[in-house]
């Protein structure tokens, strides 16, 4: 009885798997290099994570603001945005404001502080006063979704109310 030659089909399959693997690695390196190059040239923008901040149900947040004043949310996006959530009025669906906790040129430790007696914000470093709506600070769009959740759009172009 003749002995069959073994391994030739297995050897070809192994070589094909190795070649396919190498081509895959080369393609991944090319894609990563290309994406990184375009991002650094400003051709594309890479956004990691959701830029829509959801502090919670509007009804709950409104109660918290009514009880203790406007809420400061530190470092809500990309490590540099401290945001204040303010609610004015009795309707949980309206009267919402979200704005930067400090002026655009102020260092991070110069946040505005709520002054309950005058119902204004005061810059902790230079004493500048801001209205209860944060007028004069960068503003972010706020909406109450159909499910009652409050949403602040940090990805939208913030409005500078100084201009």
Protein backbone atom coordinates (compact mmCIF):
# COMPACT_ATOMS: atom_id res chain seq x y z
CA UNK A 1 0.00 0.00 0.00
CA UNK A 2 1.45 3.37 -1.00
CA UNK A 3 2.02 6.03 1.66
CA UNK A 4 0.38 9.39 0.92
CA UNK A 5 2.47 12.52 1.02
CA UNK A 6 1.28 14.48 3.97
CA UNK A 7 1.45 18.12 4.82
CA UNK A 8 1.43 19.78 1.40
CA UNK A 9 -2.17 21.02 1.72
CA UNK A 10 -1.61 22.00 5.36
CA UNK A 11 1.61 23.83 4.47
CA UNK A 12 -0.14 25.87 1.78
CA UNK A 13 -2.96 26.78 4.18
CA UNK A 14 -0.48 27.85 6.84
CA UNK A 15 1.41 30.04 4.36
CA UNK A 16 -1.85 31.66 3.18
CA UNK A 17 -2.89 32.39 6.78
CA UNK A 18 0.49 34.00 7.52
CA UNK A 19 0.33 36.13 4.33
CA UNK A 20 -3.24 37.23 5.10
CA UNK A 21 -2.22 38.15 8.64
CA UNK A 22 0.75 40.21 7.43
CA UNK A 23 -1.43 42.04 4.90
CA UNK A 24 -3.95 42.80 7.66
CA UNK A 25 -1.25 44.25 9.91
CA UNK A 26 0.13 46.39 7.05
CA UNK A 27 -3.39 47.68 6.27
CA UNK A 28 -4.03 48.58 9.95
CA UNK A 29 -0.71 50.41 10.24
CA UNK A 30 -1.49 52.34 7.05
CA UNK A 31 -4.98 53.32 8.26
CA UNK A 32 -3.79 54.42 11.70
CA UNK A 33 -0.94 56.44 10.17
CA UNK A 34 -3.27 58.07 7.63
CA UNK A 35 -5.94 58.96 10.20
CA UNK A 36 -3.35 60.39 12.60
CA UNK A 37 -1.79 62.44 9.81
CA UNK A 38 -5.13 63.88 8.71
CA UNK A 39 -6.17 64.65 12.28
CA UNK A 40 -2.92 66.52 12.99
CA UNK A 41 -3.31 68.52 9.76
CA UNK A 42 -6.83 69.54 10.76
CA UNK A 43 -8.39 67.63 7.86
CA UNK A 44 -10.54 65.58 10.23
CA UNK A 45 -11.60 65.91 13.81
CA UNK A 46 -11.62 62.98 16.19
CA UNK A 47 -14.29 63.19 18.89
CA UNK A 48 -14.10 60.53 21.54
CA UNK A 49 -17.14 60.21 23.74
CA UNK A 50 -20.47 61.90 23.79
CA UNK A 51 -20.40 65.68 23.92
CA UNK A 52 -24.00 65.84 25.14
CA UNK A 53 -23.96 66.04 28.90
CA UNK A 54 -27.00 64.55 30.66
CA UNK A 55 -27.03 65.63 34.32
CA UNK A 56 -30.31 63.80 35.00
CA UNK A 57 -34.08 64.18 35.00
CA UNK A 58 -35.11 67.84 34.68
CA UNK A 59 -37.54 67.53 37.58
CA UNK A 60 -34.80 66.27 39.93
CA UNK A 61 -32.23 68.83 38.77
CA UNK A 62 -34.80 71.65 39.16
CA UNK A 63 -35.49 70.54 42.74
CA UNK A 64 -31.75 70.46 43.51
CA UNK A 65 -31.28 73.98 42.13
CA UNK A 66 -34.33 75.24 44.04
CA UNK A 67 -33.00 73.75 47.28
CA UNK A 68 -29.30 74.57 47.06
CA UNK A 69 -28.71 76.98 44.18
CA UNK A 70 -27.15 76.46 40.76
CA UNK A 71 -25.17 73.26 40.28
CA UNK A 72 -21.48 73.15 39.35
CA UNK A 73 -20.39 70.17 37.29
CA UNK A 74 -16.61 70.02 37.23
CA UNK A 75 -14.68 68.73 34.25
CA UNK A 76 -17.65 67.47 32.20
CA UNK A 77 -15.80 67.18 28.89
CA UNK A 78 -12.19 66.83 27.81
CA UNK A 79 -10.79 67.94 31.13
CA UNK A 80 -11.32 71.67 30.73
CA UNK A 81 -15.03 72.51 30.91
CA UNK A 82 -16.58 73.27 34.24
CA UNK A 83 -20.28 73.93 33.67
CA UNK A 84 -22.95 75.52 35.81
CA UNK A 85 -26.58 74.39 35.43
CA UNK A 86 -29.13 77.01 36.43
CA UNK A 87 -32.92 76.80 36.49
CA UNK A 88 -35.11 79.86 36.80
CA UNK A 89 -38.86 79.62 37.23
CA UNK A 90 -41.32 76.91 38.25
CA UNK A 91 -41.72 75.02 34.95
CA UNK A 92 -39.32 72.04 34.73
CA UNK A 93 -39.54 72.14 30.91
CA UNK A 94 -38.17 75.68 30.52
CA UNK A 95 -35.97 78.24 32.25
CA UNK A 96 -32.75 76.24 31.89
CA UNK A 97 -29.30 77.76 31.46
CA UNK A 98 -25.91 76.09 31.13
CA UNK A 99 -22.75 78.13 30.99
CA UNK A 100 -19.02 78.09 31.68
CA UNK A 101 -18.11 78.37 35.34
CA UNK A 102 -15.44 80.95 34.60
CA UNK A 103 -14.65 83.60 32.01
CA UNK A 104 -12.78 82.43 28.92
CA UNK A 105 -9.44 83.94 29.96
CA UNK A 106 -9.60 83.06 33.67
CA UNK A 107 -7.53 80.28 35.24
CA UNK A 108 -9.45 77.22 36.37
CA UNK A 109 -9.37 78.19 40.04
CA UNK A 110 -11.26 81.44 39.28
CA UNK A 111 -14.76 80.02 39.04
CA UNK A 112 -17.86 82.09 39.56
CA UNK A 113 -19.70 81.58 42.83
CA UNK A 114 -23.44 81.90 43.47
CA UNK A 115 -24.38 84.83 45.70
CA UNK A 116 -27.76 83.86 47.14
CA UNK A 117 -28.59 87.30 48.58
CA UNK A 118 -28.16 89.17 45.28
CA UNK A 119 -29.01 86.17 43.05
CA UNK A 120 -25.91 86.78 40.96
CA UNK A 121 -22.63 85.01 40.27
CA UNK A 122 -19.35 86.58 41.34
CA UNK A 123 -15.92 85.78 39.93
CA UNK A 124 -13.88 84.44 42.84
CA UNK A 125 -10.69 86.14 41.61
CA UNK A 126 -11.61 89.55 40.23
CA UNK A 127 -15.09 90.11 41.68
CA UNK A 128 -16.85 90.51 38.32
CA UNK A 129 -20.59 90.05 38.72
CA UNK A 130 -22.75 87.99 36.34
CA UNK A 131 -26.54 87.66 36.13
CA UNK A 132 -28.40 84.58 37.37
CA UNK A 133 -28.57 83.41 33.72
CA UNK A 134 -24.76 83.58 33.39
CA UNK A 135 -24.92 86.43 30.89
CA UNK A 136 -21.35 87.32 29.93
CA UNK A 137 -20.12 83.72 30.20
CA UNK A 138 -20.00 81.08 27.47
CA UNK A 139 -23.48 79.60 27.10
CA UNK A 140 -24.34 76.03 26.05
CA UNK A 141 -27.66 74.95 24.52
CA UNK A 142 -29.96 73.13 26.95
CA UNK A 143 -33.03 71.03 26.20
CA UNK A 144 -35.40 68.78 28.06
CA UNK A 145 -35.94 65.59 26.08
CA UNK A 146 -39.32 63.88 25.68
CA UNK A 147 -38.36 61.45 28.46
CA UNK A 148 -37.76 64.40 30.84
CA UNK A 149 -33.96 64.17 30.85
CA UNK A 150 -32.02 67.42 30.81
CA UNK A 151 -29.36 67.59 28.06
CA UNK A 152 -26.56 70.15 27.64
CA UNK A 153 -24.93 70.20 24.19
CA UNK A 154 -21.22 70.78 24.81
CA UNK A 155 -20.40 70.03 21.18
CA UNK A 156 -22.43 72.95 19.87
CA UNK A 157 -20.67 76.24 19.36
CA UNK A 158 -20.87 77.95 22.69
CA UNK A 159 -22.23 81.46 22.56
CA UNK A 160 -20.02 84.18 24.00
CA UNK A 161 -22.46 86.67 25.49
CA UNK A 162 -19.71 89.24 26.00
CA UNK A 163 -20.09 90.27 22.35
